[in-house]
Protein backbone atom coordinates (compact mmCIF):
# COMPACT_ATOMS: atom_id res chain seq x y z
CA UNK A 1 -6.64 -50.67 -13.24
CA UNK A 2 -4.91 -51.62 -16.47
CA UNK A 3 -6.98 -53.16 -19.18
CA UNK A 4 -5.91 -56.78 -19.35
CA UNK A 5 -7.64 -59.27 -21.54
CA UNK A 6 -7.42 -62.93 -20.73
CA UNK A 7 -8.03 -65.25 -23.62
CA UNK A 8 -9.16 -68.64 -22.52
CA UNK A 9 -9.90 -71.64 -24.66
CA UNK A 10 -13.18 -73.25 -23.70
CA UNK A 11 -12.97 -77.03 -23.73
CA UNK A 12 -15.51 -79.59 -22.76
CA UNK A 13 -14.89 -82.06 -19.97
CA UNK A 14 -14.18 -85.47 -21.46
CA UNK A 15 -16.06 -88.60 -20.36
CA UNK A 16 -12.96 -90.35 -19.04
CA UNK A 17 -10.24 -88.18 -17.68
CA UNK A 18 -7.30 -88.48 -15.32
CA UNK A 19 -7.83 -87.67 -11.67
CA UNK A 20 -6.23 -84.22 -12.01
CA UNK A 21 -8.63 -83.03 -14.75
CA UNK A 22 -11.64 -82.48 -12.41
CA UNK A 23 -9.40 -80.47 -10.11
CA UNK A 24 -8.18 -78.35 -13.03
CA UNK A 25 -11.75 -77.93 -14.26
CA UNK A 26 -12.81 -76.71 -10.81
CA UNK A 27 -9.91 -74.27 -10.71
CA UNK A 28 -10.84 -72.91 -14.14
CA UNK A 29 -14.41 -72.36 -12.95
CA UNK A 30 -13.13 -70.49 -9.89
CA UNK A 31 -10.82 -68.42 -12.09
CA UNK A 32 -13.76 -67.49 -14.33
CA UNK A 33 -15.72 -66.32 -11.27
CA UNK A 34 -12.78 -64.19 -10.09
CA UNK A 35 -12.40 -62.65 -13.56
CA UNK A 36 -16.11 -61.75 -13.61
CA UNK A 37 -15.82 -60.17 -10.13
CA UNK A 38 -12.75 -58.16 -11.21
CA UNK A 39 -14.61 -56.86 -14.28
CA UNK A 40 -17.53 -55.78 -12.08
CA UNK A 41 -15.16 -53.94 -9.72
CA UNK A 42 -13.38 -52.23 -12.61
CA UNK A 43 -16.68 -50.99 -14.03
CA UNK A 44 -17.86 -49.77 -10.61
CA UNK A 45 -14.76 -47.58 -10.05
CA UNK A 46 -15.26 -45.06 -12.83
CA UNK A 47 -13.50 -41.74 -12.23
CA UNK A 48 -15.59 -38.77 -11.12
CA UNK A 49 -15.51 -35.80 -13.48
CA UNK A 50 -14.17 -32.48 -12.20
CA UNK A 51 -17.62 -30.88 -12.64
CA UNK A 52 -19.10 -33.39 -10.17
CA UNK A 53 -16.43 -33.18 -7.46
CA UNK A 54 -17.08 -31.39 -4.18
CA UNK A 55 -13.56 -30.01 -3.86
CA UNK A 56 -10.77 -29.47 -6.38
CA UNK A 57 -7.01 -29.47 -6.05
CA UNK A 58 -5.05 -26.46 -7.25
CA UNK A 59 -4.14 -28.25 -10.49
CA UNK A 60 -7.73 -29.36 -11.17
CA UNK A 61 -9.13 -25.91 -10.41
CA UNK A 62 -6.55 -24.19 -12.62
CA UNK A 63 -7.45 -26.42 -15.56
CA UNK A 64 -11.20 -26.25 -14.90
CA UNK A 65 -11.45 -22.46 -14.49
CA UNK A 66 -8.69 -21.50 -16.93
CA UNK A 67 -6.67 -19.70 -14.26
CA UNK A 68 -2.93 -20.28 -13.93
CA UNK A 69 -1.75 -22.27 -10.93
CA UNK A 70 0.54 -19.46 -9.75
CA UNK A 71 -2.26 -16.89 -9.96
CA UNK A 72 -4.66 -19.26 -8.20
CA UNK A 73 -2.20 -19.93 -5.37
CA UNK A 74 -1.60 -16.22 -4.78
CA UNK A 75 -5.36 -15.59 -4.91
CA UNK A 76 -5.98 -18.28 -2.30
CA UNK A 77 -3.17 -16.92 -0.11
CA UNK A 78 -4.94 -13.53 -0.03
CA UNK A 79 -8.39 -15.08 0.54
CA UNK A 80 -7.40 -17.85 2.96
CA UNK A 81 -10.39 -17.20 5.27
CA UNK A 82 -13.07 -17.38 2.56
CA UNK A 83 -15.60 -20.24 2.83
CA UNK A 84 -14.47 -21.80 -0.48
CA UNK A 85 -10.97 -22.61 0.86
CA UNK A 86 -10.63 -26.04 2.42
CA UNK A 87 -7.39 -26.99 4.14
CA UNK A 88 -6.72 -30.69 4.58
CA UNK A 89 -3.47 -30.91 6.52
CA UNK A 90 -0.93 -29.12 4.34
CA UNK A 91 -3.06 -29.47 1.19
CA UNK A 92 -5.37 -26.71 0.02
CA UNK A 93 -8.58 -27.66 -1.80
CA UNK A 94 -11.21 -25.42 -3.33
CA UNK A 95 -14.89 -26.05 -2.71
CA UNK A 96 -16.09 -26.00 -6.31
CA UNK A 97 -19.66 -24.75 -5.89
CA UNK A 98 -18.77 -21.99 -3.39
CA UNK A 99 -15.84 -20.85 -5.51
CA UNK A 100 -18.08 -20.63 -8.59
CA UNK A 101 -20.56 -18.49 -6.64
CA UNK A 102 -17.70 -16.25 -5.51
CA UNK A 103 -16.34 -15.95 -9.07
CA UNK A 104 -19.79 -15.01 -10.37
CA UNK A 105 -19.65 -11.84 -8.29
CA UNK A 106 -16.08 -10.96 -9.32
CA UNK A 107 -15.09 -8.78 -12.27
CA UNK A 108 -11.43 -9.87 -12.25
CA UNK A 109 -9.18 -12.32 -10.44
């Protein structure tokens, strides 16, 4: 979500006002509630770091482990039946924790 700031002038409700002013005042109150709800939703949807994800895409794994994408793709093609490979339709994901355990036992990739 883009960061959008709404600047609103706070005015007090006058004693005598036209018939439309209470309606506008009510709409402003509703708008303030919606803005507060939107801020709460924006704060709740913080992105998950790569170190906390269960599975990684090829691009994320390449950046995280410092392995080139081409090398990683050829490695996964040779080890397609390992438990760290997760296929979701045509997409290949890497189970982060299992791949780290596998890499710990490897001397080279």
